[in-house]
Amino acid sequence: MKLYVETDKGIICLACPRACNLSSGRGYCGVRSVKDGKFSCDVCELVSSIANDPIEKKPVFHYLPGSTVLSVGTLGCNMRCIGCQNWEIAHADLDTYRWNLQRITASELVALAKRVSDGLAWTYNEPTVWAEYVYDGASLAKEEGLYTVVVTNGYYSLQTFKLWEPVVDVFRIDLKGFTDETYDKFAPDVKVSVILGNIERAVSSGKHVEVVTNVMPGVNDVDLEAIADFIKSLNPEIPWHLTRFFPQFKMQNVPPTPVSLLTRARQMALEKGLKYVYLGNVNLPGMENTVCPRCGNLLIERKGLFTVENYVEQGSCPRCGNKIYGRFGG
């Protein structure tokens, strides 16, 4: 499937809803263009970051906890949030940063993952900008028995989802707000309906989904109840990670998230009926543990980014038999 279309007005990129006309230069993401009259994914096979991470670092808590995932990123982003924690690569200029990139083919990437890890994740920057490379790697990874993850802002096109759907197991999606007005505060011209639709599409397609909201005081905290209601409407067992914001890049004027705001938001979500609500980037005992929503039994104990104990048996609580959302073995 091609993520572009040739028109009489130029070559239009179809990777995300921005639908940039690439004939006049690179798209909004800064890494997709036209060269010699032909479409070019300028960063496909060019890796800026690679590490073998615990799956919990994504964060993904309900898919093979305790496993490791080879994680890769490149340059560019189609959202370019002004408070991005990975702004050095997401906002980087390809022409000036190119010297610092390593060329790794999809087959080389999968061969490395096969040696050192259990899965493969496209993360650090937005996977949509090199969606074709994600597909190539994920296809080979599935043939080798590896699981696959995209850590995404959710702002991709239907064409991109259809490309990924057969080969991506886990969609870890950021939901940074619930209105266009909220997104406009840090990422202009984003249509939140696209992100909501993509979360719903991943859920209805049977993919493993976990949602992250980086809580920014005075910016998106007003949307938290609406986000909780939305997640519940899809499946109250979808894990929701509420993470603490720290001033980054061009959002130095926004203070770190008060811990009390996070704990209140978590309690609100639990009272609304969400089953698995976690707090991240904050040192609060128990806030990253998984507890059976039926009987309260401790199921998974975590410390930081690591699973210490996993008591889940055959996907269920060993005390009451309640089925736990996710994949826990096999």
C-alpha atoms as a PDB file:
ATOM      1  CA  MET A   1       0.000   0.000   0.000  1.00  0.00           C
ATOM      2  CA  LYS A   2       1.406   3.398  -1.013  1.00  0.00           C
ATOM      3  CA  LEU A   3       1.102   6.195   1.517  1.00  0.00           C
ATOM      4  CA  TYR A   4       1.002   8.876  -1.143  1.00  0.00           C
ATOM      5  CA  VAL A   5      -0.997   9.746  -4.231  1.00  0.00           C
ATOM      6  CA  GLU A   6       0.050  11.500  -7.423  1.00  0.00           C
ATOM      7  CA  THR A   7      -2.276  14.311  -8.488  1.00  0.00           C
ATOM      8  CA  ASP A   8      -2.170  17.093 -11.046  1.00  0.00           C
ATOM      9  CA  LYS A   9      -1.293  19.423  -8.170  1.00  0.00           C
ATOM     10  CA  GLY A  10       1.612  17.314  -6.934  1.00  0.00           C
ATOM     11  CA  ILE A  11       2.373  14.301  -4.774  1.00  0.00           C
ATOM     12  CA  ILE A  12       0.184  14.226  -1.661  1.00  0.00           C
ATOM     13  CA  CYS A  13       1.394  12.338   1.417  1.00  0.00           C
ATOM     14  CA  LEU A  14      -1.227  10.041   2.944  1.00  0.00           C
ATOM     15  CA  ALA A  15       0.627   8.958   6.091  1.00  0.00           C
ATOM     16  CA  CYS A  16      -1.294  11.332   8.352  1.00  0.00           C
ATOM     17  CA  PRO A  17      -4.323  13.646   8.167  1.00  0.00           C
ATOM     18  CA  ARG A  18      -2.193  16.673   7.286  1.00  0.00           C
ATOM     19  CA  ALA A  19      -2.035  15.363   3.697  1.00  0.00           C
ATOM     20  CA  CYS A  20       0.962  17.530   2.831  1.00  0.00           C
ATOM     21  CA  ASN A  21       1.704  18.399  -0.786  1.00  0.00           C
ATOM     22  CA  LEU A  22       5.325  17.281  -0.974  1.00  0.00           C
ATOM     23  CA  SER A  23       6.084  18.793  -4.362  1.00  0.00           C
ATOM     24  CA  SER A  24       7.066  22.090  -2.766  1.00  0.00           C
ATOM     25  CA  GLY A  25       9.410  20.531  -0.207  1.00  0.00           C
ATOM     26  CA  ARG A  26       9.300  18.308   2.848  1.00  0.00           C
ATOM     27  CA  GLY A  27       6.053  17.784   4.692  1.00  0.00           C
ATOM     28  CA  TYR A  28       5.128  19.078   8.141  1.00  0.00           C
ATOM     29  CA  CYS A  29       7.038  16.207   9.762  1.00  0.00           C
ATOM     30  CA  GLY A  30      10.236  17.296   8.016  1.00  0.00           C
ATOM     31  CA  VAL A  31      11.202  13.852   6.765  1.00  0.00           C
ATOM     32  CA  ARG A  32       8.884  12.955   3.873  1.00  0.00           C
ATOM     33  CA  SER A  33       9.476  14.580   0.492  1.00  0.00           C
ATOM     34  CA  VAL A  34       9.686  14.276  -3.280  1.00  0.00           C
ATOM     35  CA  LYS A  35      13.017  13.652  -4.991  1.00  0.00           C
ATOM     36  CA  ASP A  36      13.409  13.685  -8.757  1.00  0.00           C
ATOM     37  CA  GLY A  37       9.644  13.619  -9.094  1.00  0.00           C
ATOM     38  CA  LYS A  38       9.236  10.551  -6.889  1.00  0.00           C
ATOM     39  CA  PHE A  39       8.008  10.140  -3.321  1.00  0.00           C
ATOM     40  CA  SER A  40      10.724   9.685  -0.688  1.00  0.00           C
ATOM     41  CA  CYS A  41      10.604   8.624   2.943  1.00  0.00           C
ATOM     42  CA  ASP A  42      13.845  10.395   3.780  1.00  0.00           C
ATOM     43  CA  VAL A  43      14.413   8.616   7.101  1.00  0.00           C
ATOM     44  CA  CYS A  44      13.356   5.063   6.298  1.00  0.00           C
ATOM     45  CA  GLU A  45      16.213   2.832   7.555  1.00  0.00           C
ATOM     46  CA  LEU A  46      17.860   5.817   9.308  1.00  0.00           C
ATOM     47  CA  VAL A  47      17.890   5.270  13.074  1.00  0.00           C
ATOM     48  CA  SER A  48      18.573   8.011  15.619  1.00  0.00           C
ATOM     49  CA  SER A  49      17.961   5.982  18.774  1.00  0.00           C
ATOM     50  CA  ILE A  50      18.016   2.293  19.621  1.00  0.00           C
ATOM     51  CA  ALA A  51      17.860   0.514  22.987  1.00  0.00           C
ATOM     52  CA  ASN A  52      16.722  -2.764  24.489  1.00  0.00           C
ATOM     53  CA  ASP A  53      14.070  -1.633  26.967  1.00  0.00           C
ATOM     54  CA  PRO A  54      11.715  -3.316  29.394  1.00  0.00           C
ATOM     55  CA  ILE A  55       8.242  -3.250  27.856  1.00  0.00           C
ATOM     56  CA  GLU A  56       7.129  -1.294  30.932  1.00  0.00           C
ATOM     57  CA  LYS A  57       9.163   1.717  29.745  1.00  0.00           C
ATOM     58  CA  LYS A  58       6.805   2.408  26.801  1.00  0.00           C
ATOM     59  CA  PRO A  59       4.778   2.315  29.143  1.00  0.00           C
ATOM     60  CA  VAL A  60       2.936  -0.941  28.412  1.00  0.00           C
ATOM     61  CA  PHE A  61       1.918  -2.859  31.546  1.00  0.00           C
ATOM     62  CA  HIS A  62      -0.498  -5.519  30.334  1.00  0.00           C
ATOM     63  CA  TYR A  63       1.371  -7.119  27.446  1.00  0.00           C
ATOM     64  CA  LEU A  64       3.982  -9.711  28.400  1.00  0.00           C
ATOM     65  CA  PRO A  65       5.166  -7.856  31.521  1.00  0.00           C
ATOM     66  CA  GLY A  66       8.809  -8.480  32.301  1.00  0.00           C
ATOM     67  CA  SER A  67       9.721  -8.946  28.640  1.00  0.00           C
ATOM     68  CA  THR A  68      12.161  -6.785  26.708  1.00  0.00           C
ATOM     69  CA  VAL A  69      11.524  -4.892  23.500  1.00  0.00           C
ATOM     70  CA  LEU A  70      14.125  -3.561  21.086  1.00  0.00           C
ATOM     71  CA  SER A  71      13.096   0.066  20.666  1.00  0.00           C
ATOM     72  CA  VAL A  72      13.991   2.269  17.702  1.00  0.00           C
ATOM     73  CA  GLY A  73      13.343   5.816  16.611  1.00  0.00           C
ATOM     74  CA  THR A  74      14.333   8.200  13.850  1.00  0.00           C
ATOM     75  CA  LEU A  75      13.780  11.935  13.318  1.00  0.00           C
ATOM     76  CA  GLY A  76      10.649  13.975  12.795  1.00  0.00           C
ATOM     77  CA  CYS A  77       7.075  14.220  14.021  1.00  0.00           C
ATOM     78  CA  ASN A  78       3.745  15.199  12.530  1.00  0.00           C
ATOM     79  CA  MET A  79       2.602  16.869  15.754  1.00  0.00           C
ATOM     80  CA  ARG A  80       5.715  18.659  17.019  1.00  0.00           C
ATOM     81  CA  CYS A  81       4.469  19.414  20.524  1.00  0.00           C
ATOM     82  CA  ILE A  82       6.197  22.402  22.067  1.00  0.00           C
ATOM     83  CA  GLY A  83       6.628  20.470  25.333  1.00  0.00           C
ATOM     84  CA  CYS A  84       8.007  17.293  23.743  1.00  0.00           C
ATOM     85  CA  GLN A  85      10.347  15.302  25.983  1.00  0.00           C
ATOM     86  CA  ASN A  86      12.156  13.952  22.904  1.00  0.00           C
ATOM     87  CA  TRP A  87      12.334  17.269  21.070  1.00  0.00           C
ATOM     88  CA  GLU A  88      16.004  16.770  20.162  1.00  0.00           C
ATOM     89  CA  ILE A  89      14.982  14.134  17.610  1.00  0.00           C
ATOM     90  CA  ALA A  90      11.301  14.923  17.034  1.00  0.00           C
ATOM     91  CA  HIS A  91      12.089  18.523  16.048  1.00  0.00           C
ATOM     92  CA  ALA A  92      15.534  17.877  14.557  1.00  0.00           C
ATOM     93  CA  ASP A  93      16.460  19.148  11.114  1.00  0.00           C
ATOM     94  CA  LEU A  94      17.301  16.166   8.937  1.00  0.00           C
ATOM     95  CA  ASP A  95      19.986  17.950   6.935  1.00  0.00           C
ATOM     96  CA  THR A  96      21.961  18.989  10.017  1.00  0.00           C
ATOM     97  CA  TYR A  97      21.362  15.788  12.035  1.00  0.00           C
ATOM     98  CA  ARG A  98      21.849  13.277   9.225  1.00  0.00           C
ATOM     99  CA  TRP A  99      25.478  12.597  10.148  1.00  0.00           C
ATOM    100  CA  ASN A 100      24.332  11.216  13.511  1.00  0.00           C
ATOM    101  CA  LEU A 101      21.998   8.599  12.035  1.00  0.00           C
ATOM    102  CA  GLN A 102      22.748   4.904  11.623  1.00  0.00           C
ATOM    103  CA  ARG A 103      21.437   2.999   8.618  1.00  0.00           C
ATOM    104  CA  ILE A 104      19.739  -0.237   9.692  1.00  0.00           C
ATOM    105  CA  THR A 105      17.638  -2.194   7.225  1.00  0.00           C
ATOM    106  CA  ALA A 106      14.431  -3.845   8.385  1.00  0.00           C
ATOM    107  CA  SER A 107      16.004  -7.292   8.106  1.00  0.00           C
ATOM    108  CA  GLU A 108      19.045  -6.192  10.118  1.00  0.00           C
ATOM    109  CA  LEU A 109      16.778  -4.686  12.770  1.00  0.00           C
ATOM    110  CA  VAL A 110      14.737  -7.865  13.133  1.00  0.00           C
ATOM    111  CA  ALA A 111      17.861 -10.032  13.219  1.00  0.00           C
ATOM    112  CA  LEU A 112      19.179  -7.931  16.105  1.00  0.00           C
ATOM    113  CA  ALA A 113      15.846  -8.052  17.935  1.00  0.00           C
ATOM    114  CA  LYS A 114      15.744 -11.819  17.507  1.00  0.00           C
ATOM    115  CA  ARG A 115      19.117 -12.094  19.269  1.00  0.00           C
ATOM    116  CA  VAL A 116      18.532  -9.756  22.185  1.00  0.00           C
ATOM    117  CA  SER A 117      14.830  -9.206  22.776  1.00  0.00           C
ATOM    118  CA  ASP A 118      11.268 -10.505  22.822  1.00  0.00           C
ATOM    119  CA  GLY A 119       9.716  -7.807  20.689  1.00  0.00           C
ATOM    120  CA  LEU A 120      10.257  -4.736  18.559  1.00  0.00           C
ATOM    121  CA  ALA A 121       8.902  -1.220  19.185  1.00  0.00           C
ATOM    122  CA  TRP A 122       8.894   1.939  17.114  1.00  0.00           C
ATOM    123  CA  THR A 123       9.063   4.772  19.610  1.00  0.00           C
ATOM    124  CA  TYR A 124      11.027   7.854  20.786  1.00  0.00           C
ATOM    125  CA  ASN A 125       9.602   9.878  17.879  1.00  0.00           C
ATOM    126  CA  GLU A 126       6.348   9.411  15.954  1.00  0.00           C
ATOM    127  CA  PRO A 127       6.291   6.082  14.013  1.00  0.00           C
ATOM    128  CA  THR A 128       3.928   7.526  11.405  1.00  0.00           C
ATOM    129  CA  VAL A 129       6.745   9.501   9.767  1.00  0.00           C
ATOM    130  CA  TRP A 130       8.424   6.248   8.690  1.00  0.00           C
ATOM    131  CA  ALA A 131       5.294   4.118   8.548  1.00  0.00           C
ATOM    132  CA  GLU A 132       6.643   2.062   5.645  1.00  0.00           C
ATOM    133  CA  TYR A 133       9.731   1.084   7.637  1.00  0.00           C
ATOM    134  CA  VAL A 134       7.505   0.119  10.563  1.00  0.00           C
ATOM    135  CA  TYR A 135       5.518  -2.140   8.264  1.00  0.00           C
ATOM    136  CA  ASP A 136       8.614  -3.751   6.753  1.00  0.00           C
ATOM    137  CA  GLY A 137      10.140  -4.444  10.161  1.00  0.00           C
ATOM    138  CA  ALA A 138       6.917  -5.573  11.801  1.00  0.00           C
ATOM    139  CA  SER A 139       6.177  -7.978   8.957  1.00  0.00           C
ATOM    140  CA  LEU A 140       9.566  -9.646   9.338  1.00  0.00           C
ATOM    141  CA  ALA A 141       9.306  -9.575  13.136  1.00  0.00           C
ATOM    142  CA  LYS A 142       6.036 -11.494  13.070  1.00  0.00           C
ATOM    143  CA  GLU A 143       7.660 -14.160  10.883  1.00  0.00           C
ATOM    144  CA  GLU A 144      10.350 -14.534  13.563  1.00  0.00           C
ATOM    145  CA  GLY A 145       7.880 -14.819  16.446  1.00  0.00           C
ATOM    146  CA  LEU A 146       8.538 -11.361  17.879  1.00  0.00           C
ATOM    147  CA  TYR A 147       5.759  -9.115  19.136  1.00  0.00           C
ATOM    148  CA  THR A 148       5.437  -5.601  17.733  1.00  0.00           C
ATOM    149  CA  VAL A 149       4.564  -2.237  19.285  1.00  0.00           C
ATOM    150  CA  VAL A 150       3.960   1.287  18.026  1.00  0.00           C
ATOM    151  CA  VAL A 151       4.185   4.113  20.554  1.00  0.00           C
ATOM    152  CA  THR A 152       2.229   6.787  18.748  1.00  0.00           C
ATOM    153  CA  ASN A 153       0.501  10.130  19.113  1.00  0.00           C
ATOM    154  CA  GLY A 154      -2.462   8.579  17.320  1.00  0.00           C
ATOM    155  CA  TYR A 155      -2.429  11.132  14.502  1.00  0.00           C
ATOM    156  CA  TYR A 156      -2.130   8.765  11.571  1.00  0.00           C
ATOM    157  CA  SER A 157      -4.353   8.142   8.565  1.00  0.00           C
ATOM    158  CA  LEU A 158      -6.723   5.278   7.876  1.00  0.00           C
ATOM    159  CA  GLN A 159      -4.286   4.136   5.190  1.00  0.00           C
ATOM    160  CA  THR A 160      -1.481   3.935   7.738  1.00  0.00           C
ATOM    161  CA  PHE A 161      -3.655   1.964  10.143  1.00  0.00           C
ATOM    162  CA  LYS A 162      -4.591  -0.482   7.402  1.00  0.00           C
ATOM    163  CA  LEU A 163      -0.901  -0.896   6.597  1.00  0.00           C
ATOM    164  CA  TRP A 164      -0.020  -1.605  10.228  1.00  0.00           C
ATOM    165  CA  GLU A 165      -3.069  -3.569  11.293  1.00  0.00           C
ATOM    166  CA  PRO A 166      -1.953  -7.043  10.126  1.00  0.00           C
ATOM    167  CA  VAL A 167       1.513  -6.786  11.683  1.00  0.00           C
ATOM    168  CA  VAL A 168       1.325  -4.580  14.808  1.00  0.00           C
ATOM    169  CA  ASP A 169       0.244  -6.224  18.069  1.00  0.00           C
ATOM    170  CA  VAL A 170       0.251  -3.291  20.490  1.00  0.00           C
ATOM    171  CA  PHE A 171      -0.928   0.280  19.981  1.00  0.00           C
ATOM    172  CA  ARG A 172       0.323   2.456  22.825  1.00  0.00           C
ATOM    173  CA  ILE A 173      -1.426   5.720  22.071  1.00  0.00           C
ATOM    174  CA  ASP A 174      -1.025   9.174  23.593  1.00  0.00           C
ATOM    175  CA  LEU A 175      -4.230  11.079  24.247  1.00  0.00           C
ATOM    176  CA  LYS A 176      -3.005  14.512  25.303  1.00  0.00           C
ATOM    177  CA  GLY A 177      -6.386  16.218  25.409  1.00  0.00           C
ATOM    178  CA  PHE A 178     -10.012  15.851  24.415  1.00  0.00           C
ATOM    179  CA  THR A 179     -10.648  18.967  22.335  1.00  0.00           C
ATOM    180  CA  ASP A 180      -8.972  20.706  19.420  1.00  0.00           C
ATOM    181  CA  GLU A 181      -8.678  23.761  21.659  1.00  0.00           C
ATOM    182  CA  THR A 182      -6.605  21.838  24.180  1.00  0.00           C
ATOM    183  CA  TYR A 183      -4.274  20.479  21.504  1.00  0.00           C
ATOM    184  CA  ASP A 184      -3.892  23.992  20.069  1.00  0.00           C
ATOM    185  CA  LYS A 185      -2.078  24.971  23.260  1.00  0.00           C
ATOM    186  CA  PHE A 186       0.891  22.741  22.418  1.00  0.00           C
ATOM    187  CA  ALA A 187       0.340  21.203  18.949  1.00  0.00           C
ATOM    188  CA  PRO A 188      -1.537  23.453  16.503  1.00  0.00           C
ATOM    189  CA  ASP A 189      -3.930  22.235  13.823  1.00  0.00           C
ATOM    190  CA  VAL A 190      -4.575  18.796  15.296  1.00  0.00           C
ATOM    191  CA  LYS A 191      -8.049  17.295  14.951  1.00  0.00           C
ATOM    192  CA  VAL A 192      -8.655  15.278  18.096  1.00  0.00           C
ATOM    193  CA  SER A 193     -11.456  13.371  16.380  1.00  0.00           C
ATOM    194  CA  VAL A 194      -8.797  11.599  14.313  1.00  0.00           C
ATOM    195  CA  ILE A 195      -6.972  10.412  17.425  1.00  0.00           C
ATOM    196  CA  LEU A 196     -10.166   9.292  19.134  1.00  0.00           C
ATOM    197  CA  GLY A 197     -11.168   7.444  15.990  1.00  0.00           C
ATOM    198  CA  ASN A 198      -7.819   5.698  15.783  1.00  0.00           C
ATOM    199  CA  ILE A 199      -8.024   4.555  19.400  1.00  0.00           C
ATOM    200  CA  GLU A 200     -11.515   3.216  18.771  1.00  0.00           C
ATOM    201  CA  ARG A 201     -10.360   1.543  15.553  1.00  0.00           C
ATOM    202  CA  ALA A 202      -7.450  -0.211  17.265  1.00  0.00           C
ATOM    203  CA  VAL A 203      -9.733  -1.458  20.040  1.00  0.00           C
ATOM    204  CA  SER A 204     -12.422  -2.705  17.662  1.00  0.00           C
ATOM    205  CA  SER A 205      -9.762  -4.464  15.589  1.00  0.00           C
ATOM    206  CA  GLY A 206      -8.754  -6.537  18.599  1.00  0.00           C
ATOM    207  CA  LYS A 207      -5.384  -4.897  19.121  1.00  0.00           C
ATOM    208  CA  HIS A 208      -3.872  -4.527  22.563  1.00  0.00           C
ATOM    209  CA  VAL A 209      -4.313  -0.860  23.463  1.00  0.00           C
ATOM    210  CA  GLU A 210      -2.941   1.215  26.322  1.00  0.00           C
ATOM    211  CA  VAL A 211      -3.472   4.970  26.607  1.00  0.00           C
ATOM    212  CA  VAL A 212      -1.136   7.582  28.087  1.00  0.00           C
ATOM    213  CA  THR A 213      -2.026  11.116  29.126  1.00  0.00           C
ATOM    214  CA  ASN A 214       0.805  13.390  30.187  1.00  0.00           C
ATOM    215  CA  VAL A 215      -1.031  15.635  32.640  1.00  0.00           C
ATOM    216  CA  MET A 216      -0.054  19.281  32.151  1.00  0.00           C
ATOM    217  CA  PRO A 217      -1.452  21.578  34.861  1.00  0.00           C
ATOM    218  CA  GLY A 218      -3.546  24.382  33.433  1.00  0.00           C
ATOM    219  CA  VAL A 219      -3.220  22.932  29.944  1.00  0.00           C
ATOM    220  CA  ASN A 220      -5.057  19.620  29.630  1.00  0.00           C
ATOM    221  CA  ASP A 221      -6.177  18.730  33.156  1.00  0.00           C
ATOM    222  CA  VAL A 222      -9.649  20.100  32.392  1.00  0.00           C
ATOM    223  CA  ASP A 223     -10.091  17.241  29.894  1.00  0.00           C
ATOM    224  CA  LEU A 224      -9.296  14.342  32.223  1.00  0.00           C
ATOM    225  CA  GLU A 225     -12.878  13.417  33.080  1.00  0.00           C
ATOM    226  CA  ALA A 226     -13.865  13.414  29.408  1.00  0.00           C
ATOM    227  CA  ILE A 227     -10.886  11.206  28.570  1.00  0.00           C
ATOM    228  CA  ALA A 228     -11.833   8.781  31.341  1.00  0.00           C
ATOM    229  CA  ASP A 229     -15.407   8.626  30.038  1.00  0.00           C
ATOM    230  CA  PHE A 230     -14.153   7.996  26.511  1.00  0.00           C
ATOM    231  CA  ILE A 231     -11.867   5.137  27.528  1.00  0.00           C
ATOM    232  CA  LYS A 232     -14.638   3.580  29.597  1.00  0.00           C
ATOM    233  CA  SER A 233     -17.005   3.749  26.631  1.00  0.00           C
ATOM    234  CA  LEU A 234     -14.577   1.623  24.610  1.00  0.00           C
ATOM    235  CA  ASN A 235     -13.534  -0.805  27.333  1.00  0.00           C
ATOM    236  CA  PRO A 236     -13.114   0.038  31.027  1.00  0.00           C
ATOM    237  CA  GLU A 237     -10.244  -2.450  31.210  1.00  0.00           C
ATOM    238  CA  ILE A 238      -7.995  -0.497  28.841  1.00  0.00           C
ATOM    239  CA  PRO A 239      -5.017   0.614  30.965  1.00  0.00           C
ATOM    240  CA  TRP A 240      -4.729   4.380  31.374  1.00  0.00           C
ATOM    241  CA  HIS A 241      -1.354   5.819  32.346  1.00  0.00           C
ATOM    242  CA  LEU A 242      -1.410   9.285  33.899  1.00  0.00           C
ATOM    243  CA  THR A 243       2.124  10.655  33.786  1.00  0.00           C
ATOM    244  CA  ARG A 244       3.692  13.633  35.480  1.00  0.00           C
ATOM    245  CA  PHE A 245       4.721  16.508  33.234  1.00  0.00           C
ATOM    246  CA  PHE A 246       8.064  18.233  33.667  1.00  0.00           C
ATOM    247  CA  PRO A 247       8.946  21.491  31.876  1.00  0.00           C
ATOM    248  CA  GLN A 248      10.496  20.736  28.492  1.00  0.00           C
ATOM    249  CA  PHE A 249      11.595  22.593  25.378  1.00  0.00           C
ATOM    250  CA  LYS A 250       9.243  25.562  24.809  1.00  0.00           C
ATOM    251  CA  MET A 251       6.914  24.846  27.740  1.00  0.00           C
ATOM    252  CA  GLN A 252       9.230  25.972  30.512  1.00  0.00           C
ATOM    253  CA  ASN A 253       6.440  28.192  31.840  1.00  0.00           C
ATOM    254  CA  VAL A 254       4.277  25.189  32.777  1.00  0.00           C
ATOM    255  CA  PRO A 255       5.185  23.827  36.229  1.00  0.00           C
ATOM    256  CA  PRO A 256       5.642  20.141  37.041  1.00  0.00           C
ATOM    257  CA  THR A 257       2.367  18.365  37.638  1.00  0.00           C
ATOM    258  CA  PRO A 258       1.408  18.435  41.326  1.00  0.00           C
ATOM    259  CA  VAL A 259       1.352  14.900  42.654  1.00  0.00           C
ATOM    260  CA  SER A 260      -1.992  15.659  44.279  1.00  0.00           C
ATOM    261  CA  LEU A 261      -3.474  16.378  40.833  1.00  0.00           C
ATOM    262  CA  LEU A 262      -2.357  12.960  39.614  1.00  0.00           C
ATOM    263  CA  THR A 263      -3.735  11.107  42.615  1.00  0.00           C
ATOM    264  CA  ARG A 264      -7.080  12.921  42.342  1.00  0.00           C
ATOM    265  CA  ALA A 265      -7.268  12.114  38.640  1.00  0.00           C
ATOM    266  CA  ARG A 266      -6.546   8.463  39.318  1.00  0.00           C
ATOM    267  CA  GLN A 267      -9.246   8.302  41.982  1.00  0.00           C
ATOM    268  CA  MET A 268     -11.705  10.014  39.648  1.00  0.00           C
ATOM    269  CA  ALA A 269     -11.006   7.461  36.909  1.00  0.00           C
ATOM    270  CA  LEU A 270     -11.393   4.522  39.275  1.00  0.00           C
ATOM    271  CA  GLU A 271     -14.681   5.914  40.584  1.00  0.00           C
ATOM    272  CA  LYS A 272     -15.909   6.226  37.000  1.00  0.00           C
ATOM    273  CA  GLY A 273     -15.244   2.536  36.539  1.00  0.00           C
ATOM    274  CA  LEU A 274     -11.857   2.268  34.851  1.00  0.00           C
ATOM    275  CA  LYS A 275     -10.127  -0.878  36.090  1.00  0.00           C
ATOM    276  CA  TYR A 276      -6.425  -0.178  35.578  1.00  0.00           C
ATOM    277  CA  VAL A 277      -5.165   3.355  36.179  1.00  0.00           C
ATOM    278  CA  TYR A 278      -1.458   3.936  36.707  1.00  0.00           C
ATOM    279  CA  LEU A 279       0.677   6.921  37.681  1.00  0.00           C
ATOM    280  CA  GLY A 280       4.016   7.491  35.983  1.00  0.00           C
ATOM    281  CA  ASN A 281       7.059   9.750  36.445  1.00  0.00           C
ATOM    282  CA  VAL A 282       6.270   9.915  40.143  1.00  0.00           C
ATOM    283  CA  ASN A 283       7.624   7.940  43.080  1.00  0.00           C
ATOM    284  CA  LEU A 284       4.472   6.767  44.830  1.00  0.00           C
ATOM    285  CA  PRO A 285       4.457   3.206  46.198  1.00  0.00           C
ATOM    286  CA  GLY A 286       1.891   0.961  44.564  1.00  0.00           C
ATOM    287  CA  MET A 287       0.801   3.343  41.820  1.00  0.00           C
ATOM    288  CA  GLU A 288       2.428   1.169  39.133  1.00  0.00           C
ATOM    289  CA  ASN A 289       1.221  -2.158  40.529  1.00  0.00           C
ATOM    290  CA  THR A 290      -1.554  -4.161  38.889  1.00  0.00           C
ATOM    291  CA  VAL A 291      -4.338  -5.148  41.273  1.00  0.00           C
ATOM    292  CA  CYS A 292      -7.301  -7.398  40.510  1.00  0.00           C
ATOM    293  CA  PRO A 293     -10.290  -5.072  40.042  1.00  0.00           C
ATOM    294  CA  ARG A 294     -12.633  -7.739  41.420  1.00  0.00           C
ATOM    295  CA  CYS A 295     -10.976  -8.900  44.638  1.00  0.00           C
ATOM    296  CA  GLY A 296      -8.097  -6.456  45.179  1.00  0.00           C
ATOM    297  CA  ASN A 297      -5.404  -9.132  45.009  1.00  0.00           C
ATOM    298  CA  LEU A 298      -1.914  -7.924  44.043  1.00  0.00           C
ATOM    299  CA  LEU A 299      -1.224  -9.331  40.583  1.00  0.00           C
ATOM    300  CA  ILE A 300       1.920  -7.589  39.361  1.00  0.00           C
ATOM    301  CA  GLU A 301       4.396  -5.736  41.546  1.00  0.00           C
ATOM    302  CA  ARG A 302       6.558  -3.156  39.803  1.00  0.00           C
ATOM    303  CA  LYS A 303       9.398  -0.962  40.916  1.00  0.00           C
ATOM    304  CA  GLY A 304      10.145   1.831  38.494  1.00  0.00           C
ATOM    305  CA  LEU A 305      10.275   0.361  35.017  1.00  0.00           C
ATOM    306  CA  PHE A 306      10.658  -3.232  36.085  1.00  0.00           C
ATOM    307  CA  THR A 307       8.296  -6.056  36.971  1.00  0.00           C
ATOM    308  CA  VAL A 308       9.388  -7.546  40.294  1.00  0.00           C
ATOM    309  CA  GLU A 309       6.703 -10.217  40.707  1.00  0.00           C
ATOM    310  CA  ASN A 310       3.998 -11.456  38.343  1.00  0.00           C
ATOM    311  CA  TYR A 311       1.311 -13.558  40.019  1.00  0.00           C
ATOM    312  CA  VAL A 312      -1.083 -13.711  37.049  1.00  0.00           C
ATOM    313  CA  GLU A 313      -1.911 -17.318  36.180  1.00  0.00           C
ATOM    314  CA  GLN A 314      -3.105 -18.153  32.672  1.00  0.00           C
ATOM    315  CA  GLY A 315      -4.287 -14.590  32.218  1.00  0.00           C
ATOM    316  CA  SER A 316      -6.374 -14.604  35.399  1.00  0.00           C
ATOM    317  CA  CYS A 317      -6.257 -13.648  39.053  1.00  0.00           C
ATOM    318  CA  PRO A 318      -5.107 -16.717  41.020  1.00  0.00           C
ATOM    319  CA  ARG A 319      -7.404 -15.819  43.941  1.00  0.00           C
ATOM    320  CA  CYS A 320     -10.779 -15.179  42.287  1.00  0.00           C
ATOM    321  CA  GLY A 321     -10.258 -16.296  38.696  1.00  0.00           C
ATOM    322  CA  ASN A 322     -11.051 -12.888  37.198  1.00  0.00           C
ATOM    323  CA  LYS A 323      -9.781 -12.574  33.617  1.00  0.00           C
ATOM    324  CA  ILE A 324      -7.187  -9.792  33.374  1.00  0.00           C
ATOM    325  CA  TYR A 325      -6.983  -7.554  30.314  1.00  0.00           C
ATOM    326  CA  GLY A 326      -3.876  -8.228  28.247  1.00  0.00           C
ATOM    327  CA  ARG A 327      -1.404 -10.934  27.348  1.00  0.00           C
ATOM    328  CA  PHE A 328       0.613 -12.495  30.138  1.00  0.00           C
ATOM    329  CA  GLY A 329       2.326 -15.488  28.591  1.00  0.00           C
ATOM    330  CA  GLY A 330       2.580 -17.735  25.586  1.00  0.00           C
END
